[in-house]
Amino acid sequence: MGLTVVEGTLTGPAGGQETLEFLVDSGATYTLVPRAAWQALGLTAKRTVRFRMADGSPMERSAGECHIRLAEGDAHTPVILGEAGDHPLLGAVTLGALRLVRSPFTRTPHPNLLLV
């Protein structure tokens, strides 16, 4: 198995932008933005999200919202406001908002033809 990384540009509420390399993780529900990036964008917590990690341990994190742009399109999406040291992840909710799926053959995001 290989890892898929895509470049995406996030836009905050005041128009500031951050470009990050996201690990495409279709097994993750939400997109995660590291602390330095979401603080630079001026994102704020809108709610708290509870979820379970892959090992079954519970986790609670703040979530905000921003605009994301990839080569394949752009959308408004909820994001987990990560901690220092967290790696940017592109999750299933954002992939769905972008109308993308991860190809099991090429491991890259591409348009979901069932939704187009």
PDB file of N, CA and C in Angstrom:
ATOM      1  N   MET A   1       0.842  -1.183   0.000  1.00  0.00           N
ATOM      2  CA  MET A   1       0.000   0.000   0.000  1.00  0.00           C
ATOM      3  C   MET A   1       0.880   1.237   0.000  1.00  0.00           C
ATOM      4  N   GLY A   2       0.406   2.290  -0.649  1.00  0.00           N
ATOM      5  CA  GLY A   2       1.150   3.536  -0.689  1.00  0.00           C
ATOM      6  C   GLY A   2       0.349   4.666  -0.079  1.00  0.00           C
ATOM      7  N   LEU A   3       1.051   5.731   0.182  1.00  0.00           N
ATOM      8  CA  LEU A   3       0.414   6.924   0.726  1.00  0.00           C
ATOM      9  C   LEU A   3       0.176   7.914  -0.396  1.00  0.00           C
ATOM     10  N   THR A   4      -0.924   8.618  -0.318  1.00  0.00           N
ATOM     11  CA  THR A   4      -1.243   9.637  -1.307  1.00  0.00           C
ATOM     12  C   THR A   4      -1.240  10.991  -0.638  1.00  0.00           C
ATOM     13  N   VAL A   5      -0.491  11.913  -1.208  1.00  0.00           N
ATOM     14  CA  VAL A   5      -0.397  13.267  -0.686  1.00  0.00           C
ATOM     15  C   VAL A   5      -0.839  14.220  -1.794  1.00  0.00           C
ATOM     16  N   VAL A   6      -1.699  15.188  -1.439  1.00  0.00           N
ATOM     17  CA  VAL A   6      -2.134  16.203  -2.397  1.00  0.00           C
ATOM     18  C   VAL A   6      -1.927  17.582  -1.779  1.00  0.00           C
ATOM     19  N   GLU A   7      -1.687  18.549  -2.640  1.00  0.00           N
ATOM     20  CA  GLU A   7      -1.540  19.921  -2.183  1.00  0.00           C
ATOM     21  C   GLU A   7      -2.902  20.595  -2.196  1.00  0.00           C
ATOM     22  N   GLY A   8      -3.193  21.315  -1.122  1.00  0.00           N
ATOM     23  CA  GLY A   8      -4.451  22.037  -1.030  1.00  0.00           C
ATOM     24  C   GLY A   8      -4.222  23.403  -0.417  1.00  0.00           C
ATOM     25  N   THR A   9      -5.034  24.359  -0.814  1.00  0.00           N
ATOM     26  CA  THR A   9      -4.950  25.708  -0.269  1.00  0.00           C
ATOM     27  C   THR A   9      -6.207  25.990   0.536  1.00  0.00           C
ATOM     28  N   LEU A  10      -6.014  26.342   1.792  1.00  0.00           N
ATOM     29  CA  LEU A  10      -7.108  26.691   2.690  1.00  0.00           C
ATOM     30  C   LEU A  10      -7.246  28.201   2.736  1.00  0.00           C
ATOM     31  N   THR A  11      -8.475  28.670   2.829  1.00  0.00           N
ATOM     32  CA  THR A  11      -8.746  30.093   2.964  1.00  0.00           C
ATOM     33  C   THR A  11      -9.564  30.308   4.226  1.00  0.00           C
ATOM     34  N   GLY A  12      -9.099  31.237   5.058  1.00  0.00           N
ATOM     35  CA  GLY A  12      -9.780  31.547   6.305  1.00  0.00           C
ATOM     36  C   GLY A  12     -10.837  32.619   6.124  1.00  0.00           C
ATOM     37  N   PRO A  13     -11.539  32.956   7.200  1.00  0.00           N
ATOM     38  CA  PRO A  13     -12.644  33.909   7.115  1.00  0.00           C
ATOM     39  C   PRO A  13     -12.231  35.320   6.698  1.00  0.00           C
ATOM     40  N   ALA A  14     -10.989  35.709   6.957  1.00  0.00           N
ATOM     41  CA  ALA A  14     -10.526  37.050   6.573  1.00  0.00           C
ATOM     42  C   ALA A  14      -9.805  37.044   5.229  1.00  0.00           C
ATOM     43  N   GLY A  15      -9.784  35.882   4.549  1.00  0.00           N
ATOM     44  CA  GLY A  15      -9.167  35.798   3.235  1.00  0.00           C
ATOM     45  C   GLY A  15      -7.726  35.323   3.216  1.00  0.00           C
ATOM     46  N   GLY A  16      -7.129  35.117   4.398  1.00  0.00           N
ATOM     47  CA  GLY A  16      -5.762  34.589   4.451  1.00  0.00           C
ATOM     48  C   GLY A  16      -5.708  33.173   3.911  1.00  0.00           C
ATOM     49  N   GLN A  17      -4.572  32.808   3.331  1.00  0.00           N
ATOM     50  CA  GLN A  17      -4.437  31.481   2.739  1.00  0.00           C
ATOM     51  C   GLN A  17      -3.210  30.750   3.265  1.00  0.00           C
ATOM     52  N   GLU A  18      -3.330  29.440   3.341  1.00  0.00           N
ATOM     53  CA  GLU A  18      -2.238  28.539   3.704  1.00  0.00           C
ATOM     54  C   GLU A  18      -2.281  27.369   2.737  1.00  0.00           C
ATOM     55  N   THR A  19      -1.154  27.034   2.150  1.00  0.00           N
ATOM     56  CA  THR A  19      -1.062  25.868   1.272  1.00  0.00           C
ATOM     57  C   THR A  19      -0.350  24.759   2.033  1.00  0.00           C
ATOM     58  N   LEU A  20      -0.979  23.586   2.071  1.00  0.00           N
ATOM     59  CA  LEU A  20      -0.462  22.446   2.824  1.00  0.00           C
ATOM     60  C   LEU A  20      -0.448  21.207   1.956  1.00  0.00           C
ATOM     61  N   GLU A  21       0.391  20.254   2.327  1.00  0.00           N
ATOM     62  CA  GLU A  21       0.368  18.935   1.706  1.00  0.00           C
ATOM     63  C   GLU A  21      -0.431  18.025   2.621  1.00  0.00           C
ATOM     64  N   PHE A  22      -1.567  17.528   2.114  1.00  0.00           N
ATOM     65  CA  PHE A  22      -2.471  16.690   2.884  1.00  0.00           C
ATOM     66  C   PHE A  22      -2.274  15.222   2.555  1.00  0.00           C
ATOM     67  N   LEU A  23      -2.239  14.391   3.577  1.00  0.00           N
ATOM     68  CA  LEU A  23      -2.299  12.951   3.393  1.00  0.00           C
ATOM     69  C   LEU A  23      -3.761  12.618   3.134  1.00  0.00           C
ATOM     70  N   VAL A  24      -4.065  11.972   2.004  1.00  0.00           N
ATOM     71  CA  VAL A  24      -5.442  11.595   1.692  1.00  0.00           C
ATOM     72  C   VAL A  24      -5.768  10.355   2.511  1.00  0.00           C
ATOM     73  N   ASP A  25      -6.723  10.511   3.430  1.00  0.00           N
ATOM     74  CA  ASP A  25      -7.085   9.419   4.330  1.00  0.00           C
ATOM     75  C   ASP A  25      -8.595   9.233   4.273  1.00  0.00           C
ATOM     76  N   SER A  26      -9.050   8.412   3.321  1.00  0.00           N
ATOM     77  CA  SER A  26     -10.485   8.207   3.158  1.00  0.00           C
ATOM     78  C   SER A  26     -11.082   7.450   4.338  1.00  0.00           C
ATOM     79  N   GLY A  27     -10.238   6.934   5.221  1.00  0.00           N
ATOM     80  CA  GLY A  27     -10.718   6.286   6.447  1.00  0.00           C
ATOM     81  C   GLY A  27     -10.950   7.279   7.567  1.00  0.00           C
ATOM     82  N   ALA A  28     -10.437   8.492   7.409  1.00  0.00           N
ATOM     83  CA  ALA A  28     -10.667   9.554   8.390  1.00  0.00           C
ATOM     84  C   ALA A  28     -11.948  10.278   8.019  1.00  0.00           C
ATOM     85  N   THR A  29     -12.766  10.580   8.997  1.00  0.00           N
ATOM     86  CA  THR A  29     -14.016  11.273   8.708  1.00  0.00           C
ATOM     87  C   THR A  29     -13.760  12.718   8.316  1.00  0.00           C
ATOM     88  N   TYR A  30     -12.971  13.422   9.124  1.00  0.00           N
ATOM     89  CA  TYR A  30     -12.774  14.858   8.931  1.00  0.00           C
ATOM     90  C   TYR A  30     -11.364  15.201   8.470  1.00  0.00           C
ATOM     91  N   THR A  31     -11.243  16.337   7.825  1.00  0.00           N
ATOM     92  CA  THR A  31      -9.952  16.900   7.466  1.00  0.00           C
ATOM     93  C   THR A  31      -9.350  17.525   8.711  1.00  0.00           C
ATOM     94  N   LEU A  32      -8.054  17.348   8.886  1.00  0.00           N
ATOM     95  CA  LEU A  32      -7.357  17.888  10.051  1.00  0.00           C
ATOM     96  C   LEU A  32      -6.352  18.933   9.595  1.00  0.00           C
ATOM     97  N   VAL A  33      -6.380  20.087  10.266  1.00  0.00           N
ATOM     98  CA  VAL A  33      -5.466  21.182   9.965  1.00  0.00           C
ATOM     99  C   VAL A  33      -4.583  21.417  11.191  1.00  0.00           C
ATOM    100  N   PRO A  34      -3.255  21.357  11.046  1.00  0.00           N
ATOM    101  CA  PRO A  34      -2.359  21.563  12.188  1.00  0.00           C
ATOM    102  C   PRO A  34      -2.535  22.949  12.820  1.00  0.00           C
ATOM    103  N   ARG A  35      -2.194  23.039  14.091  1.00  0.00           N
ATOM    104  CA  ARG A  35      -2.384  24.261  14.875  1.00  0.00           C
ATOM    105  C   ARG A  35      -1.819  25.510  14.203  1.00  0.00           C
ATOM    106  N   ALA A  36      -0.577  25.470  13.755  1.00  0.00           N
ATOM    107  CA  ALA A  36       0.048  26.670  13.174  1.00  0.00           C
ATOM    108  C   ALA A  36      -0.750  27.181  11.974  1.00  0.00           C
ATOM    109  N   ALA A  37      -1.264  26.276  11.158  1.00  0.00           N
ATOM    110  CA  ALA A  37      -2.005  26.677   9.962  1.00  0.00           C
ATOM    111  C   ALA A  37      -3.366  27.268  10.319  1.00  0.00           C
ATOM    112  N   TRP A  38      -4.130  26.605  11.198  1.00  0.00           N
ATOM    113  CA  TRP A  38      -5.459  27.148  11.496  1.00  0.00           C
ATOM    114  C   TRP A  38      -5.384  28.445  12.280  1.00  0.00           C
ATOM    115  N   GLN A  39      -4.347  28.594  13.093  1.00  0.00           N
ATOM    116  CA  GLN A  39      -4.186  29.865  13.798  1.00  0.00           C
ATOM    117  C   GLN A  39      -3.815  30.982  12.826  1.00  0.00           C
ATOM    118  N   ALA A  40      -2.929  30.691  11.856  1.00  0.00           N
ATOM    119  CA  ALA A  40      -2.551  31.690  10.851  1.00  0.00           C
ATOM    120  C   ALA A  40      -3.758  32.117  10.010  1.00  0.00           C
ATOM    121  N   LEU A  41      -4.691  31.192   9.781  1.00  0.00           N
ATOM    122  CA  LEU A  41      -5.886  31.481   8.999  1.00  0.00           C
ATOM    123  C   LEU A  41      -6.967  32.191   9.805  1.00  0.00           C
ATOM    124  N   GLY A  42      -6.811  32.206  11.118  1.00  0.00           N
ATOM    125  CA  GLY A  42      -7.826  32.826  11.969  1.00  0.00           C
ATOM    126  C   GLY A  42      -9.066  31.971  12.147  1.00  0.00           C
ATOM    127  N   LEU A  43      -8.920  30.636  12.016  1.00  0.00           N
ATOM    128  CA  LEU A  43     -10.068  29.759  12.228  1.00  0.00           C
ATOM    129  C   LEU A  43     -10.390  29.689  13.711  1.00  0.00           C
ATOM    130  N   THR A  44     -11.669  29.549  14.024  1.00  0.00           N
ATOM    131  CA  THR A  44     -12.098  29.440  15.419  1.00  0.00           C
ATOM    132  C   THR A  44     -12.978  28.209  15.585  1.00  0.00           C
ATOM    133  N   ALA A  45     -13.046  27.746  16.817  1.00  0.00           N
ATOM    134  CA  ALA A  45     -13.859  26.575  17.124  1.00  0.00           C
ATOM    135  C   ALA A  45     -15.340  26.916  17.008  1.00  0.00           C
ATOM    136  N   LYS A  46     -16.071  26.103  16.283  1.00  0.00           N
ATOM    137  CA  LYS A  46     -17.522  26.247  16.145  1.00  0.00           C
ATOM    138  C   LYS A  46     -18.251  25.205  16.990  1.00  0.00           C
ATOM    139  N   ARG A  47     -17.577  24.086  17.239  1.00  0.00           N
ATOM    140  CA  ARG A  47     -18.171  22.984  18.008  1.00  0.00           C
ATOM    141  C   ARG A  47     -17.063  22.026  18.433  1.00  0.00           C
ATOM    142  N   THR A  48     -17.436  21.067  19.255  1.00  0.00           N
ATOM    143  CA  THR A  48     -16.514  20.022  19.675  1.00  0.00           C
ATOM    144  C   THR A  48     -16.966  18.716  19.034  1.00  0.00           C
ATOM    145  N   VAL A  49     -16.009  17.965  18.516  1.00  0.00           N
ATOM    146  CA  VAL A  49     -16.305  16.695  17.852  1.00  0.00           C
ATOM    147  C   VAL A  49     -15.672  15.571  18.667  1.00  0.00           C
ATOM    148  N   ARG A  50     -16.457  14.542  18.914  1.00  0.00           N
ATOM    149  CA  ARG A  50     -15.944  13.347  19.599  1.00  0.00           C
ATOM    150  C   ARG A  50     -15.855  12.223  18.573  1.00  0.00           C
ATOM    151  N   PHE A  51     -14.745  11.506  18.591  1.00  0.00           N
ATOM    152  CA  PHE A  51     -14.579  10.389  17.672  1.00  0.00           C
ATOM    153  C   PHE A  51     -13.609   9.389  18.265  1.00  0.00           C
ATOM    154  N   ARG A  52     -13.446   8.270  17.604  1.00  0.00           N
ATOM    155  CA  ARG A  52     -12.524   7.229  18.052  1.00  0.00           C
ATOM    156  C   ARG A  52     -11.380   7.105  17.066  1.00  0.00           C
ATOM    157  N   MET A  53     -10.199   6.937  17.625  1.00  0.00           N
ATOM    158  CA  MET A  53      -9.014   6.735  16.807  1.00  0.00           C
ATOM    159  C   MET A  53      -9.017   5.295  16.280  1.00  0.00           C
ATOM    160  N   ALA A  54      -8.122   4.987  15.366  1.00  0.00           N
ATOM    161  CA  ALA A  54      -8.044   3.650  14.775  1.00  0.00           C
ATOM    162  C   ALA A  54      -7.812   2.574  15.835  1.00  0.00           C
ATOM    163  N   ASP A  55      -7.122   2.933  16.916  1.00  0.00           N
ATOM    164  CA  ASP A  55      -6.868   1.950  17.980  1.00  0.00           C
ATOM    165  C   ASP A  55      -8.024   1.843  18.971  1.00  0.00           C
ATOM    166  N   GLY A  56      -9.121   2.592  18.721  1.00  0.00           N
ATOM    167  CA  GLY A  56     -10.295   2.528  19.585  1.00  0.00           C
ATOM    168  C   GLY A  56     -10.325   3.550  20.706  1.00  0.00           C
ATOM    169  N   SER A  57      -9.237   4.289  20.883  1.00  0.00           N
ATOM    170  CA  SER A  57      -9.210   5.268  21.971  1.00  0.00           C
ATOM    171  C   SER A  57     -10.071   6.485  21.612  1.00  0.00           C
ATOM    172  N   PRO A  58     -10.811   7.013  22.606  1.00  0.00           N
ATOM    173  CA  PRO A  58     -11.659   8.176  22.338  1.00  0.00           C
ATOM    174  C   PRO A  58     -10.827   9.449  22.220  1.00  0.00           C
ATOM    175  N   MET A  59     -11.332  10.382  21.431  1.00  0.00           N
ATOM    176  CA  MET A  59     -10.658  11.665  21.256  1.00  0.00           C
ATOM    177  C   MET A  59     -11.716  12.743  21.124  1.00  0.00           C
ATOM    178  N   GLU A  60     -11.386  13.915  21.599  1.00  0.00           N
ATOM    179  CA  GLU A  60     -12.271  15.064  21.479  1.00  0.00           C
ATOM    180  C   GLU A  60     -11.432  16.229  21.001  1.00  0.00           C
ATOM    181  N   ARG A  61     -11.888  16.878  19.961  1.00  0.00           N
ATOM    182  CA  ARG A  61     -11.171  18.028  19.403  1.00  0.00           C
ATOM    183  C   ARG A  61     -12.166  19.100  18.986  1.00  0.00           C
ATOM    184  N   SER A  62     -11.684  20.316  18.901  1.00  0.00           N
ATOM    185  CA  SER A  62     -12.487  21.424  18.388  1.00  0.00           C
ATOM    186  C   SER A  62     -12.528  21.341  16.868  1.00  0.00           C
ATOM    187  N   ALA A  63     -13.625  21.831  16.301  1.00  0.00           N
ATOM    188  CA  ALA A  63     -13.777  21.851  14.850  1.00  0.00           C
ATOM    189  C   ALA A  63     -14.199  23.249  14.403  1.00  0.00           C
ATOM    190  N   GLY A  64     -13.701  23.642  13.254  1.00  0.00           N
ATOM    191  CA  GLY A  64     -14.059  24.913  12.638  1.00  0.00           C
ATOM    192  C   GLY A  64     -14.455  24.665  11.204  1.00  0.00           C
ATOM    193  N   GLU A  65     -14.417  25.712  10.401  1.00  0.00           N
ATOM    194  CA  GLU A  65     -14.775  25.603   8.996  1.00  0.00           C
ATOM    195  C   GLU A  65     -13.875  26.498   8.164  1.00  0.00           C
ATOM    196  N   CYS A  66     -13.627  26.079   6.927  1.00  0.00           N
ATOM    197  CA  CYS A  66     -12.860  26.920   6.010  1.00  0.00           C
ATOM    198  C   CYS A  66     -13.148  26.496   4.577  1.00  0.00           C
ATOM    199  N   HIS A  67     -12.554  27.193   3.655  1.00  0.00           N
ATOM    200  CA  HIS A  67     -12.655  26.881   2.235  1.00  0.00           C
ATOM    201  C   HIS A  67     -11.384  26.134   1.855  1.00  0.00           C
ATOM    202  N   ILE A  68     -11.512  25.100   1.033  1.00  0.00           N
ATOM    203  CA  ILE A  68     -10.341  24.354   0.559  1.00  0.00           C
ATOM    204  C   ILE A  68     -10.379  24.290  -0.960  1.00  0.00           C
ATOM    205  N   ARG A  69      -9.187  24.414  -1.557  1.00  0.00           N
ATOM    206  CA  ARG A  69      -9.066  24.307  -3.013  1.00  0.00           C
ATOM    207  C   ARG A  69      -7.972  23.293  -3.338  1.00  0.00           C
ATOM    208  N   LEU A  70      -8.336  22.300  -4.149  1.00  0.00           N
ATOM    209  CA  LEU A  70      -7.389  21.327  -4.701  1.00  0.00           C
ATOM    210  C   LEU A  70      -7.392  21.507  -6.212  1.00  0.00           C
ATOM    211  N   ALA A  71      -6.499  20.842  -6.884  1.00  0.00           N
ATOM    212  CA  ALA A  71      -6.482  20.910  -8.355  1.00  0.00           C
ATOM    213  C   ALA A  71      -7.809  20.430  -8.929  1.00  0.00           C
ATOM    214  N   GLU A  72      -8.481  19.503  -8.217  1.00  0.00           N
ATOM    215  CA  GLU A  72      -9.727  18.909  -8.719  1.00  0.00           C
ATOM    216  C   GLU A  72     -10.978  19.738  -8.420  1.00  0.00           C
ATOM    217  N   GLY A  73     -10.864  20.784  -7.623  1.00  0.00           N
ATOM    218  CA  GLY A  73     -12.039  21.591  -7.305  1.00  0.00           C
ATOM    219  C   GLY A  73     -11.901  22.281  -5.956  1.00  0.00           C
ATOM    220  N   ASP A  74     -12.995  22.907  -5.517  1.00  0.00           N
ATOM    221  CA  ASP A  74     -12.966  23.613  -4.238  1.00  0.00           C
ATOM    222  C   ASP A  74     -14.312  23.481  -3.540  1.00  0.00           C
ATOM    223  N   ALA A  75     -14.297  23.666  -2.206  1.00  0.00           N
ATOM    224  CA  ALA A  75     -15.517  23.525  -1.410  1.00  0.00           C
ATOM    225  C   ALA A  75     -15.311  24.152  -0.039  1.00  0.00           C
ATOM    226  N   HIS A  76     -16.412  24.391   0.634  1.00  0.00           N
ATOM    227  CA  HIS A  76     -16.404  24.805   2.032  1.00  0.00           C
ATOM    228  C   HIS A  76     -16.484  23.516   2.844  1.00  0.00           C
ATOM    229  N   THR A  77     -15.699  23.393   3.920  1.00  0.00           N
ATOM    230  CA  THR A  77     -15.653  22.130   4.642  1.00  0.00           C
ATOM    231  C   THR A  77     -15.415  22.320   6.134  1.00  0.00           C
ATOM    232  N   PRO A  78     -15.960  21.424   6.947  1.00  0.00           N
ATOM    233  CA  PRO A  78     -15.584  21.420   8.356  1.00  0.00           C
ATOM    234  C   PRO A  78     -14.167  20.851   8.483  1.00  0.00           C
ATOM    235  N   VAL A  79     -13.422  21.318   9.473  1.00  0.00           N
ATOM    236  CA  VAL A  79     -12.070  20.819   9.716  1.00  0.00           C
ATOM    237  C   VAL A  79     -11.845  20.654  11.216  1.00  0.00           C
ATOM    238  N   ILE A  80     -11.038  19.675  11.566  1.00  0.00           N
ATOM    239  CA  ILE A  80     -10.600  19.505  12.943  1.00  0.00           C
ATOM    240  C   ILE A  80      -9.444  20.466  13.169  1.00  0.00           C
ATOM    241  N   LEU A  81      -9.504  21.210  14.256  1.00  0.00           N
ATOM    242  CA  LEU A  81      -8.431  22.145  14.607  1.00  0.00           C
ATOM    243  C   LEU A  81      -7.375  21.363  15.367  1.00  0.00           C
ATOM    244  N   GLY A  82      -6.320  20.995  14.646  1.00  0.00           N
ATOM    245  CA  GLY A  82      -5.301  20.105  15.179  1.00  0.00           C
ATOM    246  C   GLY A  82      -4.387  20.753  16.198  1.00  0.00           C
ATOM    247  N   GLU A  83      -3.556  19.913  16.752  1.00  0.00           N
ATOM    248  CA  GLU A  83      -2.556  20.324  17.728  1.00  0.00           C
ATOM    249  C   GLU A  83      -1.198  20.453  17.042  1.00  0.00           C
ATOM    250  N   ALA A  84      -0.243  21.020  17.754  1.00  0.00           N
ATOM    251  CA  ALA A  84       1.132  21.100  17.244  1.00  0.00           C
ATOM    252  C   ALA A  84       1.626  19.678  16.997  1.00  0.00           C
ATOM    253  N   GLY A  85       2.268  19.469  15.869  1.00  0.00           N
ATOM    254  CA  GLY A  85       2.795  18.148  15.549  1.00  0.00           C
ATOM    255  C   GLY A  85       1.835  17.271  14.758  1.00  0.00           C
ATOM    256  N   ASP A  86       0.550  17.662  14.660  1.00  0.00           N
ATOM    257  CA  ASP A  86      -0.394  16.905  13.836  1.00  0.00           C
ATOM    258  C   ASP A  86      -0.062  17.117  12.366  1.00  0.00           C
ATOM    259  N   HIS A  87      -0.299  16.098  11.562  1.00  0.00           N
ATOM    260  CA  HIS A  87      -0.057  16.172  10.123  1.00  0.00           C
ATOM    261  C   HIS A  87      -1.375  16.479   9.415  1.00  0.00           C
ATOM    262  N   PRO A  88      -1.369  17.317   8.385  1.00  0.00           N
ATOM    263  CA  PRO A  88      -2.605  17.602   7.652  1.00  0.00           C
ATOM    264  C   PRO A  88      -3.185  16.332   7.019  1.00  0.00           C
ATOM    265  N   LEU A  89      -4.474  16.090   7.276  1.00  0.00           N
ATOM    266  CA  LEU A  89      -5.179  14.949   6.697  1.00  0.00           C
ATOM    267  C   LEU A  89      -6.362  15.453   5.887  1.00  0.00           C
ATOM    268  N   LEU A  90      -6.615  14.834   4.769  1.00  0.00           N
ATOM    269  CA  LEU A  90      -7.794  15.137   3.955  1.00  0.00           C
ATOM    270  C   LEU A  90      -8.763  13.982   4.151  1.00  0.00           C
ATOM    271  N   GLY A  91      -9.877  14.245   4.854  1.00  0.00           N
ATOM    272  CA  GLY A  91     -10.816  13.199   5.222  1.00  0.00           C
ATOM    273  C   GLY A  91     -12.000  13.050   4.283  1.00  0.00           C
ATOM    274  N   ALA A  92     -12.845  12.075   4.603  1.00  0.00           N
ATOM    275  CA  ALA A  92     -13.971  11.692   3.759  1.00  0.00           C
ATOM    276  C   ALA A  92     -15.014  12.796   3.584  1.00  0.00           C
ATOM    277  N   VAL A  93     -15.274  13.575   4.634  1.00  0.00           N
ATOM    278  CA  VAL A  93     -16.278  14.640   4.510  1.00  0.00           C
ATOM    279  C   VAL A  93     -15.839  15.659   3.461  1.00  0.00           C
ATOM    280  N   THR A  94     -14.563  16.043   3.496  1.00  0.00           N
ATOM    281  CA  THR A  94     -14.050  16.998   2.516  1.00  0.00           C
ATOM    282  C   THR A  94     -14.011  16.376   1.123  1.00  0.00           C
ATOM    283  N   LEU A  95     -13.587  15.125   1.032  1.00  0.00           N
ATOM    284  CA  LEU A  95     -13.603  14.451  -0.267  1.00  0.00           C
ATOM    285  C   LEU A  95     -15.019  14.450  -0.838  1.00  0.00           C
ATOM    286  N   GLY A  96     -16.013  14.182   0.007  1.00  0.00           N
ATOM    287  CA  GLY A  96     -17.405  14.198  -0.438  1.00  0.00           C
ATOM    288  C   GLY A  96     -17.851  15.584  -0.875  1.00  0.00           C
ATOM    289  N   ALA A  97     -17.460  16.615  -0.116  1.00  0.00           N
ATOM    290  CA  ALA A  97     -17.819  17.988  -0.476  1.00  0.00           C
ATOM    291  C   ALA A  97     -17.214  18.380  -1.821  1.00  0.00           C
ATOM    292  N   LEU A  98     -16.031  17.844  -2.100  1.00  0.00           N
ATOM    293  CA  LEU A  98     -15.361  18.104  -3.373  1.00  0.00           C
ATOM    294  C   LEU A  98     -15.863  17.182  -4.484  1.00  0.00           C
ATOM    295  N   ARG A  99     -16.762  16.251  -4.123  1.00  0.00           N
ATOM    296  CA  ARG A  99     -17.282  15.230  -5.034  1.00  0.00           C
ATOM    297  C   ARG A  99     -16.155  14.387  -5.618  1.00  0.00           C
ATOM    298  N   LEU A 100     -15.238  13.990  -4.723  1.00  0.00           N
ATOM    299  CA  LEU A 100     -14.100  13.165  -5.110  1.00  0.00           C
ATOM    300  C   LEU A 100     -14.141  11.835  -4.371  1.00  0.00           C
ATOM    301  N   VAL A 101     -13.547  10.829  -4.960  1.00  0.00           N
ATOM    302  CA  VAL A 101     -13.298   9.547  -4.308  1.00  0.00           C
ATOM    303  C   VAL A 101     -11.833   9.208  -4.517  1.00  0.00           C
ATOM    304  N   ARG A 102     -11.318   8.331  -3.683  1.00  0.00           N
ATOM    305  CA  ARG A 102      -9.921   7.898  -3.817  1.00  0.00           C
ATOM    306  C   ARG A 102      -9.902   6.612  -4.616  1.00  0.00           C
ATOM    307  N   SER A 103      -9.236   6.640  -5.749  1.00  0.00           N
ATOM    308  CA  SER A 103      -9.147   5.455  -6.609  1.00  0.00           C
ATOM    309  C   SER A 103      -8.349   4.363  -5.905  1.00  0.00           C
ATOM    310  N   PRO A 104      -8.885   3.138  -5.830  1.00  0.00           N
ATOM    311  CA  PRO A 104      -8.116   2.051  -5.218  1.00  0.00           C
ATOM    312  C   PRO A 104      -6.948   1.597  -6.095  1.00  0.00           C
ATOM    313  N   PHE A 105      -6.949   1.990  -7.363  1.00  0.00           N
ATOM    314  CA  PHE A 105      -5.898   1.570  -8.279  1.00  0.00           C
ATOM    315  C   PHE A 105      -4.744   2.566  -8.336  1.00  0.00           C
ATOM    316  N   THR A 106      -5.074   3.843  -8.451  1.00  0.00           N
ATOM    317  CA  THR A 106      -4.020   4.865  -8.549  1.00  0.00           C
ATOM    318  C   THR A 106      -3.755   5.547  -7.208  1.00  0.00           C
ATOM    319  N   ARG A 107      -4.666   5.337  -6.226  1.00  0.00           N
ATOM    320  CA  ARG A 107      -4.579   5.945  -4.895  1.00  0.00           C
ATOM    321  C   ARG A 107      -4.660   7.469  -4.942  1.00  0.00           C
ATOM    322  N   THR A 108      -5.209   8.015  -6.008  1.00  0.00           N
ATOM    323  CA  THR A 108      -5.331   9.464  -6.142  1.00  0.00           C
ATOM    324  C   THR A 108      -6.805   9.859  -6.130  1.00  0.00           C
ATOM    325  N   PRO A 109      -7.104  11.096  -5.699  1.00  0.00           N
ATOM    326  CA  PRO A 109      -8.488  11.553  -5.741  1.00  0.00           C
ATOM    327  C   PRO A 109      -8.921  11.812  -7.183  1.00  0.00           C
ATOM    328  N   HIS A 110     -10.143  11.432  -7.501  1.00  0.00           N
ATOM    329  CA  HIS A 110     -10.685  11.735  -8.826  1.00  0.00           C
ATOM    330  C   HIS A 110     -12.193  11.934  -8.687  1.00  0.00           C
ATOM    331  N   PRO A 111     -12.830  12.580  -9.664  1.00  0.00           N
ATOM    332  CA  PRO A 111     -14.270  12.858  -9.563  1.00  0.00           C
ATOM    333  C   PRO A 111     -15.075  11.572  -9.383  1.00  0.00           C
ATOM    334  N   ASN A 112     -16.053  11.654  -8.471  1.00  0.00           N
ATOM    335  CA  ASN A 112     -16.976  10.545  -8.274  1.00  0.00           C
ATOM    336  C   ASN A 112     -18.035  10.663  -9.354  1.00  0.00           C
ATOM    337  N   LEU A 113     -17.942   9.824 -10.355  1.00  0.00           N
ATOM    338  CA  LEU A 113     -18.840   9.927 -11.516  1.00  0.00           C
ATOM    339  C   LEU A 113     -20.290   9.635 -11.162  1.00  0.00           C
ATOM    340  N   LEU A 114     -20.525   8.997 -10.017  1.00  0.00           N
ATOM    341  CA  LEU A 114     -21.898   8.736  -9.594  1.00  0.00           C
ATOM    342  C   LEU A 114     -22.571   9.999  -9.072  1.00  0.00           C
ATOM    343  N   LEU A 115     -21.770  11.005  -8.675  1.00  0.00           N
ATOM    344  CA  LEU A 115     -22.327  12.232  -8.117  1.00  0.00           C
ATOM    345  C   LEU A 115     -22.312  13.393  -9.091  1.00  0.00           C
ATOM    346  N   VAL A 116     -21.625  13.252 -10.221  1.00  0.00           N
ATOM    347  CA  VAL A 116     -21.487  14.367 -11.160  1.00  0.00           C
ATOM    348  C   VAL A 116     -22.760  14.578 -11.928  1.00  0.00           C
TER     349      VAL A 116
END
